[in-house]
Amino acid sequence: MILYRHYNRSDNLRGMRTFAKITVAVAGVLALAACGDKGQDVAAQPTPTKTPAPPSVGVPAGQAPSKGKECTAEDIKTTGKFGEVPTITIPDSCDPPKKLLAVDLTKGDGPAAKAGSQLEMNYSLVTWSDKKKLDSSFDRGETFKLVLGQGRVIKGWDQGLVGIKQGTRQLLVIPPDLGYGQGGQGIQPNETLVFVVDAVKVGDPTAP
């Protein structure tokens, strides 16, 4: 999984690990521990089931010519209901957003996440520069678990998931400074990350 910022063997998050020293795309995205802002992991997930693919070639992320306007959440098209495998279509007509976007696609009515909440999430990740899916817990058939606000996942998750309610599907667009910055885990430098996430469970911070 891509989300965790580093791998700690004593971590009590069962069954999750990050890929180290890889130059290819990771099969598992959304967990994020502080190894510094450079080379952060998205989410140290369970053992991936997908063979990593070579990183895309061409114009590095963040160096493409400007389209003259910045994309909004409405420009990014998604399909699928909560619990279904989503599709994400990134437009060609505008530049990636420079700020974090967190927009509910389906609103849940369960408890809301806050710092310390134990979350169980499903997600799919597409990288902006090549418009390709890099990781998906839906494809692996198992959710990703994390404790919100502990700095173990990329900043975009720790910040963007605050307030999400159980049962919500959310579009999460993460700029490079809240993602992987100068790159890592098969992600190009200055890459914008586009997630669709499902809040499968939002647990009480004091729950075991």
N, C-alpha and C. Protein backbone atom coordinates (compact mmCIF):
# COMPACT_ATOMS: atom_id res chain seq x y z
N MET A 1 0.84 -1.19 0.00
CA MET A 1 0.00 0.00 0.00
C MET A 1 0.87 1.23 0.00
N ILE A 2 0.35 2.34 -0.46
CA ILE A 2 1.18 3.52 -0.60
C ILE A 2 1.03 4.50 0.55
N LEU A 3 0.00 4.43 1.32
CA LEU A 3 -0.34 5.53 2.21
C LEU A 3 0.58 5.80 3.38
N TYR A 4 1.20 4.82 3.98
CA TYR A 4 2.02 5.08 5.16
C TYR A 4 3.32 5.76 4.80
N ARG A 5 3.80 6.56 5.72
CA ARG A 5 5.02 7.32 5.47
C ARG A 5 6.28 6.54 5.76
N HIS A 6 6.25 5.55 6.62
CA HIS A 6 7.35 4.62 6.76
C HIS A 6 6.84 3.36 7.43
N TYR A 7 7.66 2.32 7.35
CA TYR A 7 7.23 1.04 7.91
C TYR A 7 7.87 0.82 9.26
N ASN A 8 7.07 0.55 10.26
CA ASN A 8 7.54 0.27 11.61
C ASN A 8 7.07 -1.13 12.00
N ARG A 9 8.01 -2.05 12.23
CA ARG A 9 7.64 -3.43 12.49
C ARG A 9 6.84 -3.59 13.76
N SER A 10 6.95 -2.63 14.67
CA SER A 10 6.20 -2.73 15.92
C SER A 10 4.82 -2.12 15.80
N ASP A 11 4.52 -1.62 14.62
CA ASP A 11 3.21 -0.99 14.41
C ASP A 11 2.11 -1.99 14.70
N ASN A 12 1.10 -1.54 15.46
CA ASN A 12 0.03 -2.44 15.82
C ASN A 12 -1.08 -2.48 14.79
N LEU A 13 -0.87 -1.82 13.65
CA LEU A 13 -1.85 -1.95 12.59
C LEU A 13 -1.57 -3.26 11.86
N ARG A 14 -2.37 -4.23 12.08
CA ARG A 14 -2.12 -5.59 11.63
C ARG A 14 -2.18 -5.69 10.11
N GLY A 15 -1.25 -6.45 9.57
CA GLY A 15 -1.27 -6.82 8.18
C GLY A 15 -0.95 -5.72 7.20
N MET A 16 -0.28 -4.59 7.65
CA MET A 16 -0.01 -3.51 6.74
C MET A 16 1.50 -3.29 6.61
N ARG A 17 2.00 -3.03 5.41
CA ARG A 17 3.41 -2.71 5.25
C ARG A 17 3.63 -1.87 4.02
N THR A 18 4.68 -1.12 4.01
CA THR A 18 4.99 -0.29 2.85
C THR A 18 6.09 -0.94 2.02
N PHE A 19 6.13 -0.64 0.77
CA PHE A 19 7.22 -1.07 -0.09
C PHE A 19 8.39 -0.12 0.11
N ALA A 20 9.61 -0.69 0.28
CA ALA A 20 10.77 0.16 0.44
C ALA A 20 11.63 0.06 -0.80
N LYS A 21 12.22 1.19 -1.18
CA LYS A 21 13.18 1.27 -2.27
C LYS A 21 12.60 0.72 -3.57
N ILE A 22 11.39 1.10 -3.88
CA ILE A 22 10.85 0.64 -5.14
C ILE A 22 10.79 1.81 -6.10
N THR A 23 10.95 1.52 -7.36
CA THR A 23 10.86 2.56 -8.37
C THR A 23 9.68 2.30 -9.27
N VAL A 24 8.79 1.47 -8.81
CA VAL A 24 7.63 1.13 -9.61
C VAL A 24 6.38 1.39 -8.82
N ALA A 25 5.26 1.35 -9.50
CA ALA A 25 4.00 1.65 -8.84
C ALA A 25 3.67 0.62 -7.80
N VAL A 26 3.12 1.06 -6.70
CA VAL A 26 2.79 0.16 -5.60
C VAL A 26 1.38 -0.34 -5.76
N ALA A 27 1.14 -1.60 -5.39
CA ALA A 27 -0.22 -2.13 -5.49
C ALA A 27 -0.89 -2.06 -4.14
N GLY A 28 -1.37 -0.95 -3.74
CA GLY A 28 -2.07 -0.80 -2.47
C GLY A 28 -1.90 0.62 -2.02
N VAL A 29 -2.90 1.43 -1.94
CA VAL A 29 -2.67 2.84 -1.68
C VAL A 29 -3.12 3.39 -0.41
N LEU A 30 -3.52 3.63 0.44
CA LEU A 30 -3.84 4.79 1.15
C LEU A 30 -3.36 5.02 2.56
N ALA A 31 -2.32 4.44 3.12
CA ALA A 31 -1.92 4.78 4.47
C ALA A 31 -0.65 5.59 4.49
N LEU A 32 -0.40 6.32 5.46
CA LEU A 32 0.61 7.39 5.38
C LEU A 32 1.58 7.43 6.51
N ALA A 33 4.17 7.50 8.57
CA ALA A 33 4.78 7.80 9.78
C ALA A 33 5.88 8.69 9.40
N ALA A 34 6.23 9.44 10.20
CA ALA A 34 7.00 10.57 9.77
C ALA A 34 8.42 10.20 9.46
N CYS A 35 8.73 10.14 8.17
CA CYS A 35 10.10 10.00 7.71
C CYS A 35 10.49 11.30 7.05
N GLY A 36 9.72 12.35 7.30
CA GLY A 36 9.93 13.61 6.64
C GLY A 36 8.96 13.72 5.50
N ASP A 37 8.87 14.89 4.92
CA ASP A 37 7.89 15.13 3.88
C ASP A 37 8.30 14.51 2.56
N LYS A 38 9.60 14.20 2.42
CA LYS A 38 10.04 13.63 1.16
C LYS A 38 9.91 12.13 1.22
N GLY A 39 9.35 11.56 0.13
CA GLY A 39 9.26 10.12 0.04
C GLY A 39 8.26 9.52 0.98
N GLN A 40 7.18 10.22 1.27
CA GLN A 40 6.17 9.67 2.16
C GLN A 40 5.45 8.53 1.47
N ASP A 41 4.94 7.57 2.27
CA ASP A 41 4.11 6.49 1.73
C ASP A 41 2.67 6.90 1.84
N VAL A 42 1.83 6.45 0.94
CA VAL A 42 0.42 6.78 1.04
C VAL A 42 -0.22 5.94 2.10
N ALA A 43 0.00 4.66 2.12
CA ALA A 43 -0.58 3.87 3.19
C ALA A 43 0.05 2.52 3.20
N ALA A 44 0.73 2.15 4.27
CA ALA A 44 1.37 0.85 4.36
C ALA A 44 0.30 -0.18 4.52
N GLN A 45 -0.01 -0.87 3.45
CA GLN A 45 -1.16 -1.76 3.43
C GLN A 45 -0.77 -3.22 3.57
N PRO A 46 -1.79 -4.09 3.57
CA PRO A 46 -1.52 -5.52 3.61
C PRO A 46 -0.73 -5.93 2.39
N THR A 47 -0.24 -7.14 2.39
CA THR A 47 0.57 -7.64 1.31
C THR A 47 -0.14 -7.44 -0.02
N PRO A 48 0.45 -6.71 -0.95
CA PRO A 48 -0.21 -6.45 -2.22
C PRO A 48 -0.33 -7.71 -3.04
N THR A 49 -1.34 -7.74 -3.87
CA THR A 49 -1.58 -8.92 -4.69
C THR A 49 -1.30 -8.64 -6.14
N LYS A 50 -0.84 -7.44 -6.43
CA LYS A 50 -0.65 -7.03 -7.79
C LYS A 50 0.83 -6.81 -8.07
N THR A 51 1.32 -7.24 -9.22
CA THR A 51 2.71 -7.03 -9.57
C THR A 51 2.92 -5.57 -9.92
N PRO A 52 3.90 -4.89 -9.29
CA PRO A 52 4.12 -3.48 -9.58
C PRO A 52 4.43 -3.27 -11.05
N ALA A 53 3.96 -2.16 -11.58
CA ALA A 53 4.21 -1.82 -12.97
C ALA A 53 5.25 -0.72 -13.03
N PRO A 54 6.00 -0.62 -14.15
CA PRO A 54 7.01 0.43 -14.26
C PRO A 54 6.36 1.80 -14.18
N PRO A 55 7.08 2.77 -13.61
CA PRO A 55 6.52 4.12 -13.56
C PRO A 55 6.33 4.66 -14.96
N SER A 56 5.37 5.54 -15.11
CA SER A 56 5.09 6.09 -16.43
C SER A 56 6.25 6.96 -16.87
N VAL A 57 6.41 7.08 -18.17
CA VAL A 57 7.45 7.93 -18.73
C VAL A 57 6.79 9.11 -19.41
N GLY A 58 7.58 10.12 -19.73
CA GLY A 58 7.03 11.30 -20.37
C GLY A 58 7.30 12.53 -19.54
N VAL A 59 6.42 13.50 -19.63
CA VAL A 59 6.60 14.75 -18.91
C VAL A 59 6.40 14.52 -17.42
N PRO A 60 7.39 14.88 -16.59
CA PRO A 60 7.24 14.69 -15.14
C PRO A 60 6.04 15.45 -14.61
N ALA A 61 5.46 14.91 -13.53
CA ALA A 61 4.31 15.57 -12.91
C ALA A 61 4.69 16.98 -12.51
N GLY A 62 3.79 17.92 -12.74
CA GLY A 62 4.04 19.30 -12.36
C GLY A 62 4.80 20.10 -13.39
N GLN A 63 5.26 19.47 -14.52
CA GLN A 63 6.02 20.18 -15.53
C GLN A 63 5.27 20.29 -16.86
N ALA A 64 4.05 19.81 -16.92
CA ALA A 64 3.27 19.93 -18.14
C ALA A 64 2.87 21.38 -18.34
N PRO A 65 2.71 21.79 -19.61
CA PRO A 65 2.28 23.17 -19.87
C PRO A 65 0.94 23.47 -19.21
N SER A 66 0.79 24.68 -18.71
CA SER A 66 -0.45 25.06 -18.05
C SER A 66 -1.60 25.13 -19.04
N LYS A 67 -2.78 24.70 -18.59
CA LYS A 67 -3.99 24.79 -19.40
C LYS A 67 -4.68 26.14 -19.24
N GLY A 68 -4.18 26.96 -18.31
CA GLY A 68 -4.74 28.29 -18.13
C GLY A 68 -5.80 28.40 -17.06
N LYS A 69 -6.26 27.29 -16.53
CA LYS A 69 -7.23 27.33 -15.43
C LYS A 69 -7.05 26.10 -14.55
N GLU A 70 -7.46 26.25 -13.31
CA GLU A 70 -7.31 25.17 -12.33
C GLU A 70 -8.60 24.35 -12.26
N CYS A 71 -8.46 23.05 -12.20
CA CYS A 71 -9.62 22.17 -12.11
C CYS A 71 -10.31 22.33 -10.76
N THR A 72 -11.61 22.09 -10.77
CA THR A 72 -12.39 22.01 -9.54
C THR A 72 -12.82 20.55 -9.35
N ALA A 73 -13.43 20.27 -8.22
CA ALA A 73 -13.91 18.92 -7.96
C ALA A 73 -14.93 18.50 -9.01
N GLU A 74 -15.72 19.45 -9.50
CA GLU A 74 -16.76 19.14 -10.49
C GLU A 74 -16.17 18.69 -11.83
N ASP A 75 -14.92 19.07 -12.10
CA ASP A 75 -14.29 18.68 -13.36
C ASP A 75 -13.83 17.22 -13.35
N ILE A 76 -13.69 16.65 -12.18
CA ILE A 76 -13.23 15.27 -12.05
C ILE A 76 -14.45 14.36 -11.98
N LYS A 77 -14.57 13.45 -12.91
CA LYS A 77 -15.76 12.61 -13.01
C LYS A 77 -15.53 11.26 -12.32
N THR A 78 -16.52 10.85 -11.57
CA THR A 78 -16.45 9.55 -10.89
C THR A 78 -17.74 8.79 -11.12
N THR A 79 -17.67 7.47 -11.02
CA THR A 79 -18.86 6.64 -11.08
C THR A 79 -18.82 5.64 -9.94
N GLY A 80 -19.98 5.08 -9.62
CA GLY A 80 -20.06 4.07 -8.58
C GLY A 80 -20.66 4.59 -7.30
N LYS A 81 -21.49 3.75 -6.68
CA LYS A 81 -22.09 4.07 -5.39
C LYS A 81 -21.18 3.60 -4.27
N PHE A 82 -21.50 4.00 -3.05
CA PHE A 82 -20.75 3.54 -1.88
C PHE A 82 -20.69 2.02 -1.89
N GLY A 83 -19.48 1.48 -1.71
CA GLY A 83 -19.29 0.04 -1.69
C GLY A 83 -18.98 -0.57 -3.04
N GLU A 84 -19.23 0.18 -4.12
CA GLU A 84 -18.93 -0.30 -5.46
C GLU A 84 -17.53 0.16 -5.89
N VAL A 85 -16.92 -0.58 -6.80
CA VAL A 85 -15.61 -0.18 -7.32
C VAL A 85 -15.79 1.12 -8.12
N PRO A 86 -15.09 2.18 -7.74
CA PRO A 86 -15.27 3.46 -8.44
C PRO A 86 -14.41 3.56 -9.70
N THR A 87 -14.82 4.44 -10.59
CA THR A 87 -13.95 4.88 -11.67
C THR A 87 -13.69 6.37 -11.48
N ILE A 88 -12.50 6.81 -11.88
CA ILE A 88 -12.10 8.21 -11.74
C ILE A 88 -11.57 8.68 -13.09
N THR A 89 -12.15 9.75 -13.61
CA THR A 89 -11.71 10.30 -14.89
C THR A 89 -11.20 11.72 -14.68
N ILE A 90 -9.92 11.92 -14.98
CA ILE A 90 -9.28 13.22 -14.79
C ILE A 90 -9.33 13.99 -16.10
N PRO A 91 -9.74 15.26 -16.08
CA PRO A 91 -9.88 16.04 -17.32
C PRO A 91 -8.54 16.44 -17.92
N ASP A 92 -8.57 16.74 -19.22
CA ASP A 92 -7.39 17.24 -19.92
C ASP A 92 -7.40 18.76 -20.06
N SER A 93 -8.51 19.38 -19.69
CA SER A 93 -8.73 20.79 -20.03
C SER A 93 -8.31 21.78 -18.95
N CYS A 94 -7.80 21.28 -17.82
CA CYS A 94 -7.45 22.19 -16.72
C CYS A 94 -6.30 21.61 -15.91
N ASP A 95 -5.69 22.47 -15.09
CA ASP A 95 -4.54 22.08 -14.28
C ASP A 95 -4.99 21.45 -12.96
N PRO A 96 -4.14 20.63 -12.35
CA PRO A 96 -4.50 20.02 -11.07
C PRO A 96 -4.70 21.06 -9.98
N PRO A 97 -5.65 20.85 -9.09
CA PRO A 97 -5.87 21.80 -7.99
C PRO A 97 -4.62 21.96 -7.13
N LYS A 98 -4.40 23.16 -6.64
CA LYS A 98 -3.23 23.44 -5.81
C LYS A 98 -3.51 23.25 -4.33
N LYS A 99 -4.79 23.16 -3.98
CA LYS A 99 -5.17 22.98 -2.59
C LYS A 99 -5.90 21.65 -2.41
N LEU A 100 -5.91 21.18 -1.18
CA LEU A 100 -6.61 19.94 -0.83
C LEU A 100 -8.11 20.10 -1.08
N LEU A 101 -8.68 19.12 -1.78
CA LEU A 101 -10.13 19.08 -2.01
C LEU A 101 -10.69 17.82 -1.37
N ALA A 102 -11.73 17.97 -0.59
CA ALA A 102 -12.43 16.83 0.02
C ALA A 102 -13.92 17.08 -0.16
N VAL A 103 -14.53 16.33 -1.08
CA VAL A 103 -15.92 16.56 -1.45
C VAL A 103 -16.70 15.26 -1.31
N ASP A 104 -17.79 15.31 -0.55
CA ASP A 104 -18.62 14.12 -0.38
C ASP A 104 -19.37 13.81 -1.66
N LEU A 105 -19.27 12.57 -2.12
CA LEU A 105 -20.02 12.10 -3.28
C LEU A 105 -21.31 11.43 -2.84
N THR A 106 -21.23 10.70 -1.74
CA THR A 106 -22.40 10.10 -1.09
C THR A 106 -22.28 10.40 0.39
N LYS A 107 -23.31 10.95 0.98
CA LYS A 107 -23.24 11.33 2.39
C LYS A 107 -23.74 10.20 3.28
N GLY A 108 -22.92 9.82 4.25
CA GLY A 108 -23.33 8.84 5.24
C GLY A 108 -23.93 9.52 6.46
N ASP A 109 -24.54 8.72 7.32
CA ASP A 109 -25.15 9.29 8.52
C ASP A 109 -24.60 8.68 9.80
N GLY A 110 -23.43 8.04 9.68
CA GLY A 110 -22.79 7.44 10.85
C GLY A 110 -21.96 8.45 11.61
N PRO A 111 -21.19 7.98 12.58
CA PRO A 111 -20.33 8.88 13.37
C PRO A 111 -19.29 9.56 12.50
N ALA A 112 -18.89 10.77 12.90
CA ALA A 112 -17.92 11.56 12.15
C ALA A 112 -16.51 11.32 12.68
N ALA A 113 -15.55 11.29 11.77
CA ALA A 113 -14.16 11.04 12.14
C ALA A 113 -13.52 12.28 12.75
N LYS A 114 -12.66 12.05 13.74
CA LYS A 114 -11.88 13.11 14.35
C LYS A 114 -10.52 12.54 14.71
N ALA A 115 -9.61 13.39 15.16
CA ALA A 115 -8.28 12.92 15.53
C ALA A 115 -8.39 11.78 16.54
N GLY A 116 -7.73 10.68 16.25
CA GLY A 116 -7.76 9.52 17.12
C GLY A 116 -8.79 8.48 16.74
N SER A 117 -9.71 8.84 15.82
CA SER A 117 -10.72 7.87 15.39
C SER A 117 -10.06 6.70 14.66
N GLN A 118 -10.59 5.51 14.89
CA GLN A 118 -10.11 4.32 14.20
C GLN A 118 -10.97 4.14 12.95
N LEU A 119 -10.33 4.26 11.79
CA LEU A 119 -11.03 4.23 10.52
C LEU A 119 -10.76 2.93 9.77
N GLU A 120 -11.79 2.48 9.09
CA GLU A 120 -11.68 1.36 8.16
C GLU A 120 -12.17 1.89 6.82
N MET A 121 -11.25 1.95 5.84
CA MET A 121 -11.53 2.63 4.58
C MET A 121 -11.35 1.70 3.39
N ASN A 122 -12.11 1.97 2.34
CA ASN A 122 -11.81 1.46 1.01
C ASN A 122 -11.41 2.65 0.16
N TYR A 123 -10.54 2.44 -0.83
CA TYR A 123 -10.10 3.56 -1.64
C TYR A 123 -9.63 3.10 -3.01
N SER A 124 -9.63 4.02 -3.94
CA SER A 124 -9.00 3.83 -5.24
C SER A 124 -8.20 5.08 -5.53
N LEU A 125 -6.98 4.91 -6.05
CA LEU A 125 -6.07 6.04 -6.30
C LEU A 125 -5.70 6.13 -7.77
N VAL A 126 -5.83 7.32 -8.32
CA VAL A 126 -5.37 7.63 -9.67
C VAL A 126 -4.37 8.77 -9.59
N THR A 127 -3.26 8.65 -10.31
CA THR A 127 -2.27 9.72 -10.35
C THR A 127 -2.60 10.68 -11.50
N TRP A 128 -2.50 11.98 -11.20
CA TRP A 128 -2.96 13.00 -12.14
C TRP A 128 -2.16 12.99 -13.43
N SER A 129 -0.84 12.86 -13.35
CA SER A 129 0.01 13.07 -14.52
C SER A 129 -0.25 12.07 -15.63
N ASP A 130 -0.54 10.81 -15.27
CA ASP A 130 -0.79 9.80 -16.31
C ASP A 130 -2.23 9.32 -16.35
N LYS A 131 -3.04 9.80 -15.37
CA LYS A 131 -4.47 9.47 -15.34
C LYS A 131 -4.73 7.96 -15.20
N LYS A 132 -3.80 7.28 -14.55
CA LYS A 132 -3.92 5.83 -14.40
C LYS A 132 -4.12 5.44 -12.93
N LYS A 133 -4.85 4.35 -12.74
CA LYS A 133 -5.05 3.83 -11.38
C LYS A 133 -3.74 3.22 -10.89
N LEU A 134 -3.31 3.66 -9.71
CA LEU A 134 -2.07 3.16 -9.13
C LEU A 134 -2.32 2.14 -8.03
N ASP A 135 -3.43 2.28 -7.32
CA ASP A 135 -3.67 1.41 -6.18
C ASP A 135 -5.16 1.37 -5.87
N SER A 136 -5.62 0.25 -5.31
CA SER A 136 -7.04 0.14 -4.97
C SER A 136 -7.25 -0.97 -3.96
N SER A 137 -7.82 -0.61 -2.81
CA SER A 137 -8.19 -1.64 -1.84
C SER A 137 -9.40 -2.42 -2.32
N PHE A 138 -10.22 -1.80 -3.16
CA PHE A 138 -11.37 -2.51 -3.73
C PHE A 138 -10.88 -3.73 -4.52
N ASP A 139 -9.81 -3.54 -5.29
CA ASP A 139 -9.30 -4.64 -6.12
C ASP A 139 -8.73 -5.76 -5.27
N ARG A 140 -8.19 -5.42 -4.10
CA ARG A 140 -7.62 -6.45 -3.22
C ARG A 140 -8.68 -7.13 -2.38
N GLY A 141 -9.84 -6.52 -2.27
CA GLY A 141 -10.92 -7.12 -1.50
C GLY A 141 -10.76 -7.01 -0.01
N GLU A 142 -9.97 -6.05 0.47
CA GLU A 142 -9.84 -5.83 1.91
C GLU A 142 -9.65 -4.35 2.20
N THR A 143 -10.24 -3.92 3.29
CA THR A 143 -10.20 -2.51 3.66
C THR A 143 -8.84 -2.14 4.25
N PHE A 144 -8.61 -0.83 4.30
CA PHE A 144 -7.40 -0.29 4.91
C PHE A 144 -7.76 0.34 6.24
N LYS A 145 -7.01 0.00 7.29
CA LYS A 145 -7.30 0.51 8.63
C LYS A 145 -6.23 1.49 9.08
N LEU A 146 -6.66 2.54 9.75
CA LEU A 146 -5.72 3.53 10.26
C LEU A 146 -6.33 4.25 11.45
N VAL A 147 -5.48 4.93 12.20
CA VAL A 147 -5.92 5.82 13.27
C VAL A 147 -5.66 7.24 12.78
N LEU A 148 -6.69 8.04 12.70
CA LEU A 148 -6.61 9.36 12.09
C LEU A 148 -5.80 10.33 12.94
N GLY A 149 -4.95 11.12 12.27
CA GLY A 149 -4.25 12.20 12.94
C GLY A 149 -2.98 11.82 13.67
N GLN A 150 -2.45 10.63 13.42
CA GLN A 150 -1.22 10.20 14.10
C GLN A 150 0.02 10.39 13.24
N GLY A 151 -0.13 10.95 12.06
CA GLY A 151 1.02 11.20 11.20
C GLY A 151 1.58 9.97 10.55
N ARG A 152 0.83 8.88 10.52
CA ARG A 152 1.33 7.65 9.92
C ARG A 152 0.99 7.55 8.44
N VAL A 153 0.06 8.36 8.00
CA VAL A 153 -0.29 8.37 6.59
C VAL A 153 0.05 9.74 6.01
N ILE A 154 -0.09 9.87 4.70
CA ILE A 154 0.21 11.16 4.08
C ILE A 154 -0.70 12.24 4.67
N LYS A 155 -0.20 13.46 4.66
CA LYS A 155 -0.91 14.57 5.29
C LYS A 155 -2.30 14.78 4.69
N GLY A 156 -2.41 14.54 3.40
CA GLY A 156 -3.70 14.72 2.75
C GLY A 156 -4.79 13.84 3.31
N TRP A 157 -4.44 12.66 3.78
CA TRP A 157 -5.42 11.79 4.43
C TRP A 157 -5.72 12.28 5.84
N ASP A 158 -4.68 12.57 6.60
CA ASP A 158 -4.89 13.03 7.98
C ASP A 158 -5.74 14.29 8.03
N GLN A 159 -5.58 15.16 7.05
CA GLN A 159 -6.35 16.41 7.02
C GLN A 159 -7.70 16.25 6.33
N GLY A 160 -7.70 15.57 5.20
CA GLY A 160 -8.91 15.49 4.40
C GLY A 160 -10.01 14.62 4.97
N LEU A 161 -9.66 13.65 5.81
CA LEU A 161 -10.65 12.73 6.34
C LEU A 161 -11.28 13.21 7.65
N VAL A 162 -10.80 14.32 8.18
CA VAL A 162 -11.42 14.85 9.40
C VAL A 162 -12.87 15.23 9.10
N GLY A 163 -13.80 14.71 9.87
CA GLY A 163 -15.20 15.03 9.68
C GLY A 163 -15.97 14.07 8.81
N ILE A 164 -15.28 13.17 8.09
CA ILE A 164 -15.99 12.23 7.23
C ILE A 164 -16.84 11.30 8.10
N LYS A 165 -18.07 11.05 7.65
CA LYS A 165 -18.99 10.21 8.41
C LYS A 165 -19.01 8.79 7.85
N GLN A 166 -19.21 7.84 8.75
CA GLN A 166 -19.34 6.45 8.33
C GLN A 166 -20.46 6.35 7.29
N GLY A 167 -20.17 5.64 6.20
CA GLY A 167 -21.13 5.52 5.12
C GLY A 167 -20.97 6.54 4.01
N THR A 168 -19.96 7.40 4.13
CA THR A 168 -19.72 8.45 3.14
C THR A 168 -18.73 7.99 2.08
N ARG A 169 -19.01 8.32 0.83
CA ARG A 169 -18.02 8.21 -0.25
C ARG A 169 -17.53 9.61 -0.55
N GLN A 170 -16.20 9.76 -0.63
CA GLN A 170 -15.61 11.09 -0.77
C GLN A 170 -14.57 11.11 -1.89
N LEU A 171 -14.57 12.22 -2.63
CA LEU A 171 -13.49 12.51 -3.57
C LEU A 171 -12.43 13.30 -2.82
N LEU A 172 -11.19 12.82 -2.87
CA LEU A 172 -10.09 13.45 -2.14
C LEU A 172 -8.97 13.73 -3.14
N VAL A 173 -8.71 15.02 -3.38
CA VAL A 173 -7.66 15.43 -4.31
C VAL A 173 -6.54 16.05 -3.49
N ILE A 174 -5.36 15.45 -3.58
CA ILE A 174 -4.26 15.81 -2.69
C ILE A 174 -3.10 16.40 -3.49
N PRO A 175 -2.74 17.67 -3.24
CA PRO A 175 -1.61 18.29 -3.93
C PRO A 175 -0.28 17.69 -3.45
N PRO A 176 0.79 17.90 -4.21
CA PRO A 176 2.07 17.26 -3.87
C PRO A 176 2.57 17.53 -2.46
N ASP A 177 2.37 18.75 -1.94
CA ASP A 177 2.92 19.07 -0.63
C ASP A 177 2.21 18.33 0.50
N LEU A 178 1.04 17.77 0.23
CA LEU A 178 0.33 16.97 1.23
C LEU A 178 0.35 15.49 0.89
N GLY A 179 1.10 15.15 -0.17
CA GLY A 179 1.21 13.76 -0.59
C GLY A 179 2.64 13.27 -0.48
N TYR A 180 3.28 13.08 -1.65
CA TYR A 180 4.64 12.56 -1.65
C TYR A 180 5.71 13.57 -2.01
N GLY A 181 5.31 14.83 -2.26
CA GLY A 181 6.30 15.86 -2.51
C GLY A 181 7.22 15.53 -3.66
N GLN A 182 8.48 15.26 -3.36
CA GLN A 182 9.48 14.97 -4.38
C GLN A 182 9.44 13.53 -4.87
N GLY A 183 8.41 12.81 -4.49
CA GLY A 183 8.22 11.48 -5.06
C GLY A 183 8.62 10.36 -4.13
N GLY A 184 8.29 9.16 -4.55
CA GLY A 184 8.57 7.96 -3.77
C GLY A 184 7.46 6.95 -3.96
N GLN A 185 7.75 5.68 -3.67
CA GLN A 185 6.78 4.61 -3.79
C GLN A 185 6.20 4.51 -5.20
N GLY A 186 7.07 4.75 -6.21
CA GLY A 186 6.61 4.67 -7.58
C GLY A 186 5.84 5.87 -8.06
N ILE A 187 5.79 6.93 -7.24
CA ILE A 187 5.06 8.14 -7.59
C ILE A 187 6.05 9.22 -8.02
N GLN A 188 5.75 9.91 -9.11
CA GLN A 188 6.64 10.93 -9.64
C GLN A 188 6.71 12.14 -8.70
N PRO A 189 7.80 12.92 -8.81
CA PRO A 189 7.86 14.17 -8.05
C PRO A 189 6.72 15.11 -8.42
N ASN A 190 6.23 15.83 -7.43
CA ASN A 190 5.20 16.85 -7.65
C ASN A 190 3.91 16.28 -8.24
N GLU A 191 3.59 15.07 -7.82
CA GLU A 191 2.39 14.40 -8.33
C GLU A 191 1.16 14.75 -7.50
N THR A 192 0.06 15.00 -8.18
CA THR A 192 -1.24 15.18 -7.53
C THR A 192 -1.95 13.84 -7.47
N LEU A 193 -2.49 13.52 -6.30
CA LEU A 193 -3.14 12.22 -6.06
C LEU A 193 -4.65 12.42 -6.01
N VAL A 194 -5.38 11.56 -6.71
CA VAL A 194 -6.84 11.64 -6.73
C VAL A 194 -7.40 10.33 -6.18
N PHE A 195 -8.10 10.43 -5.06
CA PHE A 195 -8.69 9.27 -4.40
C PHE A 195 -10.21 9.35 -4.44
N VAL A 196 -10.84 8.20 -4.55
CA VAL A 196 -12.22 8.04 -4.10
C VAL A 196 -12.15 7.10 -2.91
N VAL A 197 -12.68 7.54 -1.76
CA VAL A 197 -12.60 6.75 -0.54
C VAL A 197 -13.99 6.49 0.02
N ASP A 198 -14.18 5.32 0.59
CA ASP A 198 -15.40 4.96 1.31
C ASP A 198 -15.08 4.80 2.79
N ALA A 199 -15.80 5.51 3.64
CA ALA A 199 -15.64 5.36 5.09
C ALA A 199 -16.49 4.17 5.55
N VAL A 200 -15.90 2.99 5.54
CA VAL A 200 -16.62 1.77 5.88
C VAL A 200 -16.97 1.74 7.36
N LYS A 201 -16.01 2.20 8.19
CA LYS A 201 -16.26 2.22 9.63
C LYS A 201 -15.51 3.39 10.25
N VAL A 202 -16.19 4.12 11.12
CA VAL A 202 -15.56 5.18 11.92
C VAL A 202 -15.74 4.79 13.37
N GLY A 203 -14.64 4.38 14.01
CA GLY A 203 -14.70 3.89 15.37
C GLY A 203 -14.35 4.96 16.39
N ASP A 204 -14.85 4.78 17.60
CA ASP A 204 -14.55 5.69 18.69
C ASP A 204 -13.06 5.65 19.00
N PRO A 205 -12.44 6.80 19.26
CA PRO A 205 -11.01 6.81 19.58
C PRO A 205 -10.64 5.94 20.77
N THR A 206 -11.57 5.70 21.68
CA THR A 206 -11.26 4.91 22.87
C THR A 206 -11.57 3.43 22.69
N ALA A 207 -12.15 3.08 21.54
CA ALA A 207 -12.50 1.68 21.32
C ALA A 207 -11.25 0.85 21.14
N PRO A 208 -11.26 -0.42 21.55
CA PRO A 208 -10.09 -1.27 21.39
C PRO A 208 -9.85 -1.59 19.93
